């Protein structure tokens, strides 16, 4: 049977996952205790949720999914499908949390990632798959602290110490904090003659 573009993409993804520290296994020979991070190919989900191209296990519990597509596909069109996979883990299987927090869409040449631990989670392009140690740390931090991820922390900044600041400086700092909290990270702070001017977009 000839190799399809999707087959070629999965071979590349197998290699990329391995380089990131994942043990890639077939479903019928899967051992989620074989290492800290295990990626199981073609995993069947709940009825109506289909198959995840890869189900990612961290420390013996499900943590994420990967949707594989052929090179040239527009990956953003598959975010809804990946989100559906993250909600489709069979009930009897252990998971760090539900829905599964880490979602990828990848062609092997391009990869996008959504972290559902973030507030208002959205996909972003990444250069490589995250390693299982990174996911383990994020999951551990999330159990210890509220708002553990960077975007969440930007919404819960500590109170500004205003002592020694001019009114214009206080306004500028508060404007920058509001911009970051609203996920508008592009900002310019200009300091001239002891004052601060802030421009956000």
N, C-alpha and C. Protein backbone atom coordinates (compact mmCIF):
# COMPACT_ATOMS: atom_id res chain seq x y z
N UNK A 1 0.86 -1.18 0.00
CA UNK A 1 0.00 0.00 0.00
C UNK A 1 0.90 1.24 0.00
N UNK A 2 0.67 2.20 -0.91
CA UNK A 2 1.56 3.36 -0.99
C UNK A 2 1.43 4.25 0.24
N UNK A 3 2.54 4.90 0.58
CA UNK A 3 2.57 5.80 1.72
C UNK A 3 1.83 7.09 1.39
N UNK A 4 0.94 7.52 2.28
CA UNK A 4 0.16 8.73 2.07
C UNK A 4 0.91 9.94 2.66
N UNK A 5 0.53 11.16 2.27
CA UNK A 5 1.13 12.35 2.89
C UNK A 5 0.96 12.37 4.41
N UNK A 6 -0.19 11.86 4.89
CA UNK A 6 -0.41 11.80 6.34
C UNK A 6 0.56 10.83 7.00
N UNK A 7 0.85 9.70 6.32
CA UNK A 7 1.82 8.74 6.85
C UNK A 7 3.20 9.39 6.98
N UNK A 8 3.58 10.17 5.96
CA UNK A 8 4.89 10.84 6.01
C UNK A 8 4.93 11.86 7.14
N UNK A 9 3.81 12.57 7.33
CA UNK A 9 3.75 13.55 8.42
C UNK A 9 3.91 12.85 9.77
N UNK A 10 3.25 11.70 9.94
CA UNK A 10 3.34 10.99 11.22
C UNK A 10 4.76 10.49 11.49
N UNK A 11 5.47 10.07 10.45
CA UNK A 11 6.86 9.64 10.65
C UNK A 11 7.72 10.79 11.15
N UNK A 12 7.50 11.97 10.57
CA UNK A 12 8.25 13.15 11.01
C UNK A 12 7.87 13.51 12.44
N UNK A 13 6.58 13.44 12.76
CA UNK A 13 6.11 13.76 14.11
C UNK A 13 6.66 12.76 15.11
N UNK A 14 6.70 11.48 14.74
CA UNK A 14 7.32 10.47 15.61
C UNK A 14 8.74 10.91 15.99
N UNK A 15 9.50 11.34 14.99
CA UNK A 15 10.88 11.75 15.22
C UNK A 15 10.96 12.98 16.10
N UNK A 16 10.09 13.97 15.84
CA UNK A 16 10.11 15.20 16.62
C UNK A 16 9.72 14.95 18.08
N UNK A 17 8.73 14.10 18.28
CA UNK A 17 8.33 13.75 19.65
C UNK A 17 9.47 13.04 20.37
N UNK A 18 10.13 12.12 19.67
CA UNK A 18 11.26 11.41 20.28
C UNK A 18 12.37 12.37 20.68
N UNK A 19 12.67 13.34 19.82
CA UNK A 19 13.72 14.31 20.14
C UNK A 19 13.35 15.18 21.32
N UNK A 20 12.05 15.37 21.55
CA UNK A 20 11.59 16.18 22.69
C UNK A 20 11.52 15.37 23.98
N UNK A 21 11.80 14.07 23.91
CA UNK A 21 11.83 13.26 25.13
C UNK A 21 10.66 12.32 25.32
N UNK A 22 9.79 12.21 24.31
CA UNK A 22 8.63 11.31 24.42
C UNK A 22 8.98 9.92 23.89
N UNK A 23 8.47 8.90 24.56
CA UNK A 23 8.56 7.53 24.06
C UNK A 23 7.32 7.28 23.21
N UNK A 24 7.50 7.09 21.91
CA UNK A 24 6.37 6.92 20.99
C UNK A 24 6.06 5.43 20.88
N UNK A 25 4.80 5.07 21.15
CA UNK A 25 4.42 3.66 21.20
C UNK A 25 3.15 3.41 20.39
N UNK A 26 3.03 2.19 19.89
CA UNK A 26 1.77 1.76 19.28
C UNK A 26 0.78 1.41 20.38
N UNK A 27 -0.51 1.59 20.09
CA UNK A 27 -1.54 1.39 21.10
C UNK A 27 -1.56 -0.03 21.65
N UNK A 28 -1.36 -1.02 20.78
CA UNK A 28 -1.48 -2.41 21.25
C UNK A 28 -0.26 -2.86 22.06
N UNK A 29 0.80 -2.03 22.10
CA UNK A 29 1.98 -2.37 22.89
C UNK A 29 2.30 -1.26 23.90
N UNK A 30 1.31 -0.42 24.19
CA UNK A 30 1.56 0.76 25.01
C UNK A 30 1.84 0.39 26.46
N UNK A 31 2.80 1.09 27.05
CA UNK A 31 3.13 0.97 28.47
C UNK A 31 3.35 2.39 28.99
N UNK A 32 2.33 2.95 29.62
CA UNK A 32 2.41 4.36 30.03
C UNK A 32 3.37 4.56 31.19
N UNK A 33 3.87 3.47 31.77
CA UNK A 33 4.85 3.57 32.86
C UNK A 33 6.28 3.43 32.36
N UNK A 34 6.46 3.34 31.04
CA UNK A 34 7.79 3.11 30.48
C UNK A 34 8.71 4.31 30.63
N UNK A 35 8.16 5.49 30.84
CA UNK A 35 8.97 6.70 30.99
C UNK A 35 8.10 7.84 31.45
N UNK A 36 8.72 8.97 31.72
CA UNK A 36 7.96 10.12 32.19
C UNK A 36 6.94 10.58 31.14
N UNK A 37 7.33 10.56 29.86
CA UNK A 37 6.43 10.98 28.80
C UNK A 37 6.25 9.90 27.76
N UNK A 38 5.01 9.51 27.50
CA UNK A 38 4.70 8.47 26.51
C UNK A 38 3.66 9.02 25.54
N UNK A 39 3.92 8.87 24.26
CA UNK A 39 2.99 9.28 23.21
C UNK A 39 2.46 8.02 22.52
N UNK A 40 1.15 7.80 22.61
CA UNK A 40 0.53 6.60 22.06
C UNK A 40 -0.16 6.95 20.74
N UNK A 41 0.22 6.24 19.68
CA UNK A 41 -0.33 6.50 18.35
C UNK A 41 -1.77 6.02 18.22
N UNK A 42 -2.56 6.75 17.45
CA UNK A 42 -3.91 6.35 17.02
C UNK A 42 -4.75 5.82 18.19
N UNK A 43 -5.04 6.71 19.13
CA UNK A 43 -5.72 6.30 20.35
C UNK A 43 -7.23 6.52 20.22
N UNK A 44 -8.05 5.47 20.45
CA UNK A 44 -9.51 5.62 20.34
C UNK A 44 -10.08 6.38 21.53
N UNK A 45 -10.93 7.34 21.24
CA UNK A 45 -11.56 8.16 22.28
C UNK A 45 -13.01 7.73 22.48
N UNK A 46 -13.74 8.50 23.26
CA UNK A 46 -15.15 8.20 23.48
C UNK A 46 -15.91 8.20 22.16
N UNK A 47 -17.04 7.53 22.17
CA UNK A 47 -17.89 7.52 20.98
C UNK A 47 -18.22 8.95 20.56
N UNK A 48 -18.01 9.21 19.29
CA UNK A 48 -18.29 10.54 18.76
C UNK A 48 -17.10 11.49 18.79
N UNK A 49 -15.99 11.04 19.39
CA UNK A 49 -14.80 11.89 19.48
C UNK A 49 -13.67 11.42 18.57
N UNK A 50 -13.83 10.27 17.94
CA UNK A 50 -12.84 9.81 16.97
C UNK A 50 -11.58 9.23 17.59
N UNK A 51 -10.47 9.37 16.87
CA UNK A 51 -9.16 8.87 17.29
C UNK A 51 -8.19 10.04 17.39
N UNK A 52 -7.45 10.09 18.47
CA UNK A 52 -6.35 11.05 18.56
C UNK A 52 -5.14 10.44 17.86
N UNK A 53 -4.51 11.20 16.97
CA UNK A 53 -3.32 10.67 16.31
C UNK A 53 -2.27 10.29 17.34
N UNK A 54 -2.16 11.08 18.40
CA UNK A 54 -1.26 10.75 19.52
C UNK A 54 -1.95 11.20 20.81
N UNK A 55 -1.92 10.34 21.81
CA UNK A 55 -2.36 10.70 23.15
C UNK A 55 -1.10 10.79 24.02
N UNK A 56 -0.90 11.92 24.67
CA UNK A 56 0.31 12.15 25.45
C UNK A 56 0.06 11.85 26.93
N UNK A 57 0.92 10.98 27.48
CA UNK A 57 0.87 10.65 28.90
C UNK A 57 2.08 11.25 29.60
N UNK A 58 1.83 11.85 30.77
CA UNK A 58 2.90 12.37 31.62
C UNK A 58 2.77 11.71 32.99
N UNK A 59 3.82 11.02 33.41
CA UNK A 59 3.82 10.34 34.71
C UNK A 59 2.60 9.42 34.86
N UNK A 60 2.28 8.70 33.78
CA UNK A 60 1.22 7.68 33.84
C UNK A 60 -0.19 8.19 33.70
N UNK A 61 -0.37 9.49 33.46
CA UNK A 61 -1.71 10.04 33.31
C UNK A 61 -1.79 10.85 32.02
N UNK A 62 -2.95 10.77 31.36
CA UNK A 62 -3.13 11.50 30.11
C UNK A 62 -3.05 13.00 30.36
N UNK A 63 -2.41 13.70 29.40
CA UNK A 63 -2.21 15.14 29.57
C UNK A 63 -2.46 15.93 28.29
N UNK A 64 -2.42 15.29 27.11
CA UNK A 64 -2.56 16.06 25.88
C UNK A 64 -2.79 15.20 24.67
N UNK A 65 -3.01 15.88 23.55
CA UNK A 65 -3.27 15.20 22.28
C UNK A 65 -2.51 15.91 21.16
N UNK A 66 -2.26 15.14 20.10
CA UNK A 66 -1.64 15.69 18.89
C UNK A 66 -2.50 15.27 17.70
N UNK A 67 -2.86 16.24 16.87
CA UNK A 67 -3.55 15.97 15.62
C UNK A 67 -2.55 16.13 14.49
N UNK A 68 -2.35 15.08 13.70
CA UNK A 68 -1.38 15.09 12.60
C UNK A 68 -2.09 15.36 11.28
N UNK A 69 -1.52 16.27 10.50
CA UNK A 69 -2.07 16.60 9.19
C UNK A 69 -0.94 16.63 8.16
N UNK A 70 -1.29 16.47 6.89
CA UNK A 70 -0.28 16.49 5.84
C UNK A 70 0.28 17.90 5.68
N UNK A 71 1.50 17.97 5.19
CA UNK A 71 2.15 19.25 4.96
C UNK A 71 1.31 20.08 4.00
N UNK A 72 1.16 21.36 4.33
CA UNK A 72 0.38 22.26 3.51
C UNK A 72 -0.99 22.58 4.06
N UNK A 73 -1.47 21.77 5.00
CA UNK A 73 -2.77 22.03 5.61
C UNK A 73 -2.70 23.29 6.48
N UNK A 74 -3.81 24.02 6.56
CA UNK A 74 -3.92 25.18 7.45
C UNK A 74 -4.32 24.67 8.83
N UNK A 75 -3.37 24.69 9.75
CA UNK A 75 -3.56 24.02 11.03
C UNK A 75 -4.62 24.69 11.91
N UNK A 76 -4.80 25.99 11.76
CA UNK A 76 -5.78 26.67 12.61
C UNK A 76 -7.20 26.15 12.39
N UNK A 77 -7.45 25.56 11.23
CA UNK A 77 -8.79 25.04 10.96
C UNK A 77 -9.08 23.76 11.75
N UNK A 78 -8.05 23.19 12.39
CA UNK A 78 -8.22 21.94 13.13
C UNK A 78 -8.20 22.14 14.65
N UNK A 79 -8.20 23.39 15.10
CA UNK A 79 -8.18 23.64 16.54
C UNK A 79 -9.44 23.09 17.21
N UNK A 80 -10.59 23.25 16.56
CA UNK A 80 -11.84 22.75 17.14
C UNK A 80 -11.80 21.23 17.26
N UNK A 81 -11.24 20.57 16.26
CA UNK A 81 -11.13 19.11 16.28
C UNK A 81 -10.23 18.67 17.43
N UNK A 82 -9.11 19.35 17.62
CA UNK A 82 -8.20 18.98 18.71
C UNK A 82 -8.86 19.22 20.07
N UNK A 83 -9.61 20.32 20.19
CA UNK A 83 -10.32 20.59 21.45
C UNK A 83 -11.34 19.47 21.73
N UNK A 84 -11.97 18.97 20.68
CA UNK A 84 -12.91 17.85 20.84
C UNK A 84 -12.18 16.61 21.34
N UNK A 85 -10.99 16.35 20.80
CA UNK A 85 -10.19 15.22 21.27
C UNK A 85 -9.87 15.37 22.75
N UNK A 86 -9.53 16.60 23.16
CA UNK A 86 -9.13 16.83 24.55
C UNK A 86 -10.26 16.53 25.53
N UNK A 87 -11.49 16.57 25.03
CA UNK A 87 -12.66 16.28 25.87
C UNK A 87 -13.11 14.83 25.78
N UNK A 88 -12.46 14.04 24.90
CA UNK A 88 -12.98 12.71 24.60
C UNK A 88 -12.28 11.55 25.27
N UNK A 89 -11.43 11.81 26.26
CA UNK A 89 -10.74 10.70 26.92
C UNK A 89 -11.76 9.78 27.60
N UNK A 90 -11.68 8.47 27.36
CA UNK A 90 -12.60 7.54 28.02
C UNK A 90 -12.58 7.71 29.54
N UNK A 91 -13.76 7.54 30.15
CA UNK A 91 -13.92 7.85 31.57
C UNK A 91 -13.02 7.04 32.49
N UNK A 92 -12.71 5.81 32.13
CA UNK A 92 -11.94 4.97 33.04
C UNK A 92 -10.45 5.24 33.07
N UNK A 93 -9.97 6.15 32.24
CA UNK A 93 -8.53 6.39 32.14
C UNK A 93 -8.11 7.57 33.00
N UNK A 94 -6.94 7.42 33.62
CA UNK A 94 -6.42 8.47 34.50
C UNK A 94 -5.98 9.68 33.68
N UNK A 95 -6.26 10.86 34.20
CA UNK A 95 -5.86 12.11 33.55
C UNK A 95 -5.50 13.13 34.61
N UNK A 96 -4.57 14.00 34.27
CA UNK A 96 -4.20 15.07 35.20
C UNK A 96 -5.37 16.02 35.42
N UNK A 97 -6.11 16.28 34.37
CA UNK A 97 -7.33 17.09 34.44
C UNK A 97 -8.10 16.88 33.16
N UNK A 98 -9.37 17.22 33.18
CA UNK A 98 -10.24 17.11 32.01
C UNK A 98 -10.92 18.45 31.77
N UNK A 99 -10.99 18.91 30.52
CA UNK A 99 -10.37 18.33 29.33
C UNK A 99 -8.85 18.34 29.41
N UNK A 100 -8.23 17.49 28.62
CA UNK A 100 -6.77 17.42 28.62
C UNK A 100 -6.20 18.79 28.24
N UNK A 101 -5.21 19.30 28.98
CA UNK A 101 -4.82 20.69 28.83
C UNK A 101 -3.92 21.03 27.65
N UNK A 102 -3.21 20.06 27.08
CA UNK A 102 -2.20 20.39 26.08
C UNK A 102 -2.59 19.82 24.71
N UNK A 103 -2.75 20.71 23.73
CA UNK A 103 -3.26 20.31 22.42
C UNK A 103 -2.34 20.81 21.31
N UNK A 104 -1.98 19.91 20.42
CA UNK A 104 -1.15 20.27 19.26
C UNK A 104 -1.87 19.93 17.97
N UNK A 105 -1.58 20.73 16.95
CA UNK A 105 -1.88 20.36 15.56
C UNK A 105 -0.54 20.46 14.84
N UNK A 106 -0.18 19.43 14.08
CA UNK A 106 1.15 19.43 13.46
C UNK A 106 1.16 18.73 12.10
N UNK A 107 1.95 19.27 11.19
CA UNK A 107 2.24 18.61 9.92
C UNK A 107 3.63 17.99 9.94
N UNK A 108 4.35 18.20 11.02
CA UNK A 108 5.76 17.82 11.07
C UNK A 108 6.65 18.97 10.64
N UNK A 109 6.17 19.76 9.67
CA UNK A 109 6.90 20.95 9.23
C UNK A 109 6.45 22.17 10.03
N UNK A 110 5.17 22.23 10.36
CA UNK A 110 4.60 23.31 11.17
C UNK A 110 3.83 22.70 12.33
N UNK A 111 3.91 23.36 13.48
CA UNK A 111 3.21 22.86 14.67
C UNK A 111 2.60 24.04 15.42
N UNK A 112 1.35 23.86 15.83
CA UNK A 112 0.68 24.86 16.67
C UNK A 112 0.30 24.20 17.99
N UNK A 113 0.25 25.01 19.04
CA UNK A 113 0.05 24.50 20.40
C UNK A 113 -0.96 25.36 21.13
N UNK A 114 -1.88 24.72 21.83
CA UNK A 114 -2.83 25.41 22.70
C UNK A 114 -2.66 24.88 24.12
N UNK A 115 -2.48 25.78 25.07
CA UNK A 115 -2.35 25.42 26.47
C UNK A 115 -3.63 25.83 27.18
N UNK A 116 -4.47 24.85 27.52
CA UNK A 116 -5.75 25.15 28.14
C UNK A 116 -5.62 25.56 29.60
N UNK A 117 -4.40 25.57 30.13
CA UNK A 117 -4.19 26.14 31.46
C UNK A 117 -4.18 27.67 31.41
N UNK A 118 -3.99 28.22 30.21
CA UNK A 118 -4.01 29.67 30.03
C UNK A 118 -5.44 30.19 30.05
N UNK A 119 -5.65 31.41 30.58
CA UNK A 119 -6.97 32.03 30.41
C UNK A 119 -7.15 32.42 28.95
N UNK A 120 -8.37 32.30 28.45
CA UNK A 120 -8.64 32.61 27.04
C UNK A 120 -7.63 31.93 26.13
N UNK A 121 -7.47 30.63 26.31
CA UNK A 121 -6.45 29.86 25.58
C UNK A 121 -6.64 29.99 24.09
N UNK A 122 -5.53 30.11 23.37
CA UNK A 122 -5.54 30.16 21.92
C UNK A 122 -4.29 29.48 21.40
N UNK A 123 -4.33 29.03 20.16
CA UNK A 123 -3.16 28.32 19.62
C UNK A 123 -2.09 29.32 19.20
N UNK A 124 -0.87 28.85 19.23
CA UNK A 124 0.27 29.65 18.77
C UNK A 124 1.26 28.71 18.11
N UNK A 125 2.02 29.26 17.17
CA UNK A 125 3.02 28.45 16.49
C UNK A 125 4.19 28.21 17.42
N UNK A 126 4.72 26.97 17.39
CA UNK A 126 5.89 26.63 18.20
C UNK A 126 6.93 25.98 17.29
N UNK A 127 8.19 26.03 17.72
CA UNK A 127 9.27 25.48 16.92
C UNK A 127 9.49 23.99 17.17
N UNK A 128 8.98 23.48 18.31
CA UNK A 128 9.18 22.07 18.65
C UNK A 128 8.11 21.66 19.66
N UNK A 129 7.95 20.36 19.84
CA UNK A 129 7.06 19.87 20.88
C UNK A 129 7.71 20.13 22.24
N UNK A 130 6.89 20.45 23.23
CA UNK A 130 7.40 20.58 24.59
C UNK A 130 7.76 19.20 25.12
N UNK A 131 8.72 19.15 26.01
CA UNK A 131 9.11 17.89 26.62
C UNK A 131 8.21 17.52 27.79
N UNK A 132 8.18 16.27 28.16
CA UNK A 132 7.34 15.85 29.29
C UNK A 132 7.71 16.51 30.61
N UNK A 133 9.00 16.86 30.81
CA UNK A 133 9.38 17.54 32.04
C UNK A 133 8.72 18.91 32.14
N UNK A 134 8.60 19.60 31.02
CA UNK A 134 7.94 20.91 31.01
C UNK A 134 6.48 20.78 31.40
N UNK A 135 5.79 19.81 30.80
CA UNK A 135 4.39 19.61 31.13
C UNK A 135 4.22 19.22 32.59
N UNK A 136 5.10 18.35 33.08
CA UNK A 136 5.01 17.92 34.47
C UNK A 136 5.14 19.12 35.42
N UNK A 137 6.06 20.03 35.11
CA UNK A 137 6.24 21.22 35.95
C UNK A 137 5.01 22.11 35.89
N UNK A 138 4.49 22.34 34.68
CA UNK A 138 3.30 23.19 34.57
C UNK A 138 2.12 22.59 35.34
N UNK A 139 1.95 21.28 35.24
CA UNK A 139 0.85 20.62 35.95
C UNK A 139 1.04 20.69 37.46
N UNK A 140 2.28 20.52 37.89
CA UNK A 140 2.56 20.62 39.33
C UNK A 140 2.31 22.03 39.84
N UNK A 141 2.78 23.03 39.09
CA UNK A 141 2.57 24.42 39.49
C UNK A 141 1.09 24.76 39.57
N UNK A 142 0.32 24.20 38.64
CA UNK A 142 -1.12 24.50 38.61
C UNK A 142 -1.84 23.95 39.84
N UNK A 143 -1.34 22.87 40.41
CA UNK A 143 -1.97 22.33 41.62
C UNK A 143 -1.56 23.11 42.87
N UNK A 144 -0.44 23.83 42.81
CA UNK A 144 0.05 24.55 43.98
C UNK A 144 -0.43 25.99 44.06
N UNK A 145 -0.57 26.62 42.87
CA UNK A 145 -0.86 28.05 42.85
C UNK A 145 -2.05 28.33 41.94
N UNK A 146 -2.81 29.34 42.31
CA UNK A 146 -3.81 29.82 41.38
C UNK A 146 -3.10 30.72 40.37
N UNK A 147 -3.58 30.74 39.17
CA UNK A 147 -2.98 31.57 38.11
C UNK A 147 -1.49 31.29 37.98
N UNK A 148 -1.14 30.03 37.69
CA UNK A 148 0.27 29.66 37.64
C UNK A 148 0.93 30.01 36.31
N UNK A 149 0.17 30.10 35.22
CA UNK A 149 0.76 30.39 33.93
C UNK A 149 1.00 31.89 33.77
N UNK A 150 1.93 32.24 32.89
CA UNK A 150 2.33 33.65 32.75
C UNK A 150 1.14 34.55 32.42
N UNK A 151 0.32 34.15 31.45
CA UNK A 151 -0.81 35.00 31.07
C UNK A 151 -1.79 35.18 32.22
N UNK A 152 -1.96 34.15 33.02
CA UNK A 152 -2.84 34.27 34.18
C UNK A 152 -2.22 35.19 35.23
N UNK A 153 -0.90 35.07 35.44
CA UNK A 153 -0.24 35.93 36.44
C UNK A 153 -0.31 37.40 36.04
N UNK A 154 -0.30 37.68 34.74
CA UNK A 154 -0.38 39.07 34.29
C UNK A 154 -1.73 39.70 34.63
N UNK A 155 -2.71 38.87 34.94
CA UNK A 155 -4.03 39.38 35.33
C UNK A 155 -4.13 39.59 36.85
N UNK A 156 -3.16 39.09 37.56
CA UNK A 156 -3.21 39.18 39.03
C UNK A 156 -1.90 39.77 39.55
N UNK A 157 -1.53 40.92 39.03
CA UNK A 157 -0.29 41.58 39.44
C UNK A 157 -0.40 42.02 40.90
N UNK A 158 0.71 42.02 41.63
CA UNK A 158 0.67 42.52 43.00
C UNK A 158 0.38 44.01 43.01
N UNK A 159 -0.12 44.54 44.14
CA UNK A 159 -0.44 45.97 44.20
C UNK A 159 0.80 46.83 43.92
N UNK A 160 0.59 47.90 43.20
CA UNK A 160 1.67 48.82 42.88
C UNK A 160 2.06 49.64 44.11
N UNK A 161 3.34 49.68 44.41
CA UNK A 161 3.83 50.53 45.50
C UNK A 161 4.02 51.93 44.92
N UNK A 162 3.17 52.85 45.31
CA UNK A 162 3.13 54.17 44.70
C UNK A 162 4.09 55.16 45.35
N UNK A 163 4.60 54.81 46.51
CA UNK A 163 5.47 55.74 47.23
C UNK A 163 6.69 56.10 46.37
N UNK A 164 6.94 57.40 46.24
CA UNK A 164 8.08 57.88 45.49
C UNK A 164 7.83 58.04 44.00
N UNK A 165 6.65 57.66 43.52
CA UNK A 165 6.33 57.78 42.10
C UNK A 165 5.49 59.03 41.85
N UNK A 166 5.68 59.63 40.70
CA UNK A 166 4.85 60.75 40.28
C UNK A 166 3.51 60.22 39.76
N UNK A 167 2.54 61.10 39.73
CA UNK A 167 1.21 60.71 39.26
C UNK A 167 1.27 60.18 37.83
N UNK A 168 2.06 60.83 36.97
CA UNK A 168 2.16 60.38 35.58
C UNK A 168 2.81 59.01 35.49
N UNK A 169 3.75 58.71 36.38
CA UNK A 169 4.39 57.40 36.39
C UNK A 169 3.40 56.33 36.83
N UNK A 170 2.60 56.65 37.83
CA UNK A 170 1.59 55.69 38.31
C UNK A 170 0.60 55.37 37.19
N UNK A 171 0.15 56.43 36.49
CA UNK A 171 -0.79 56.20 35.38
C UNK A 171 -0.15 55.35 34.29
N UNK A 172 1.12 55.60 34.00
CA UNK A 172 1.79 54.83 32.95
C UNK A 172 1.93 53.36 33.33
N UNK A 173 2.32 53.10 34.56
CA UNK A 173 2.49 51.71 35.02
C UNK A 173 1.15 50.99 35.02
N UNK A 174 0.12 51.67 35.52
CA UNK A 174 -1.21 51.04 35.53
C UNK A 174 -1.70 50.77 34.11
N UNK A 175 -1.41 51.70 33.19
CA UNK A 175 -1.80 51.48 31.80
C UNK A 175 -1.10 50.27 31.21
N UNK A 176 0.19 50.10 31.53
CA UNK A 176 0.93 48.94 31.04
C UNK A 176 0.37 47.65 31.63
N UNK A 177 0.07 47.64 32.91
CA UNK A 177 -0.49 46.45 33.55
C UNK A 177 -1.84 46.09 32.94
N UNK A 178 -2.67 47.10 32.66
CA UNK A 178 -3.98 46.83 32.05
C UNK A 178 -3.81 46.26 30.65
N UNK A 179 -2.83 46.78 29.92
CA UNK A 179 -2.58 46.28 28.57
C UNK A 179 -2.15 44.82 28.60
N UNK A 180 -1.23 44.49 29.49
CA UNK A 180 -0.76 43.11 29.59
C UNK A 180 -1.87 42.17 30.05
N UNK A 181 -2.68 42.62 31.01
CA UNK A 181 -3.78 41.79 31.51
C UNK A 181 -4.81 41.52 30.42
N UNK A 182 -4.97 42.48 29.49
CA UNK A 182 -5.92 42.32 28.39
C UNK A 182 -5.31 41.58 27.21
N UNK A 183 -4.11 41.01 27.42
CA UNK A 183 -3.41 40.25 26.38
C UNK A 183 -3.08 41.14 25.18
N UNK A 184 -2.66 42.36 25.47
CA UNK A 184 -2.15 43.28 24.45
C UNK A 184 -0.69 43.55 24.81
N UNK A 185 0.22 42.66 24.41
CA UNK A 185 1.59 42.73 24.91
C UNK A 185 2.47 43.78 24.25
N UNK A 186 2.01 44.39 23.16
CA UNK A 186 2.84 45.39 22.49
C UNK A 186 2.70 46.73 23.20
N UNK A 187 3.79 47.21 23.77
CA UNK A 187 3.75 48.47 24.49
C UNK A 187 5.10 49.16 24.38
N UNK A 188 5.08 50.48 24.44
CA UNK A 188 6.30 51.27 24.42
C UNK A 188 6.30 52.15 25.65
N UNK A 189 7.37 52.05 26.42
CA UNK A 189 7.55 52.92 27.58
C UNK A 189 8.72 53.84 27.27
N UNK A 190 8.48 55.12 27.33
CA UNK A 190 9.51 56.10 27.03
C UNK A 190 9.78 56.92 28.28
N UNK A 191 11.05 57.01 28.65
CA UNK A 191 11.43 57.80 29.82
C UNK A 191 12.21 59.02 29.34
N UNK A 192 11.72 60.18 29.70
CA UNK A 192 12.40 61.41 29.32
C UNK A 192 12.25 62.43 30.43
N UNK A 193 13.34 63.04 30.83
CA UNK A 193 13.35 64.08 31.86
C UNK A 193 12.71 63.60 33.15
N UNK A 194 12.93 62.34 33.48
CA UNK A 194 12.43 61.81 34.75
C UNK A 194 10.98 61.40 34.72
N UNK A 195 10.32 61.51 33.58
CA UNK A 195 8.91 61.11 33.48
C UNK A 195 8.81 59.84 32.63
N UNK A 196 7.64 59.25 32.61
CA UNK A 196 7.40 58.05 31.81
C UNK A 196 6.18 58.31 30.93
N UNK A 197 6.32 57.97 29.68
CA UNK A 197 5.18 58.00 28.77
C UNK A 197 4.98 56.57 28.27
N UNK A 198 3.77 56.07 28.31
CA UNK A 198 3.50 54.70 27.87
C UNK A 198 2.51 54.73 26.71
N UNK A 199 2.80 53.93 25.70
CA UNK A 199 1.89 53.79 24.56
C UNK A 199 1.62 52.31 24.39
N UNK A 200 0.36 51.94 24.35
CA UNK A 200 0.00 50.53 24.20
C UNK A 200 -0.84 50.36 22.95
N UNK A 201 -0.77 49.14 22.39
CA UNK A 201 -1.58 48.84 21.21
C UNK A 201 -2.04 47.41 21.25
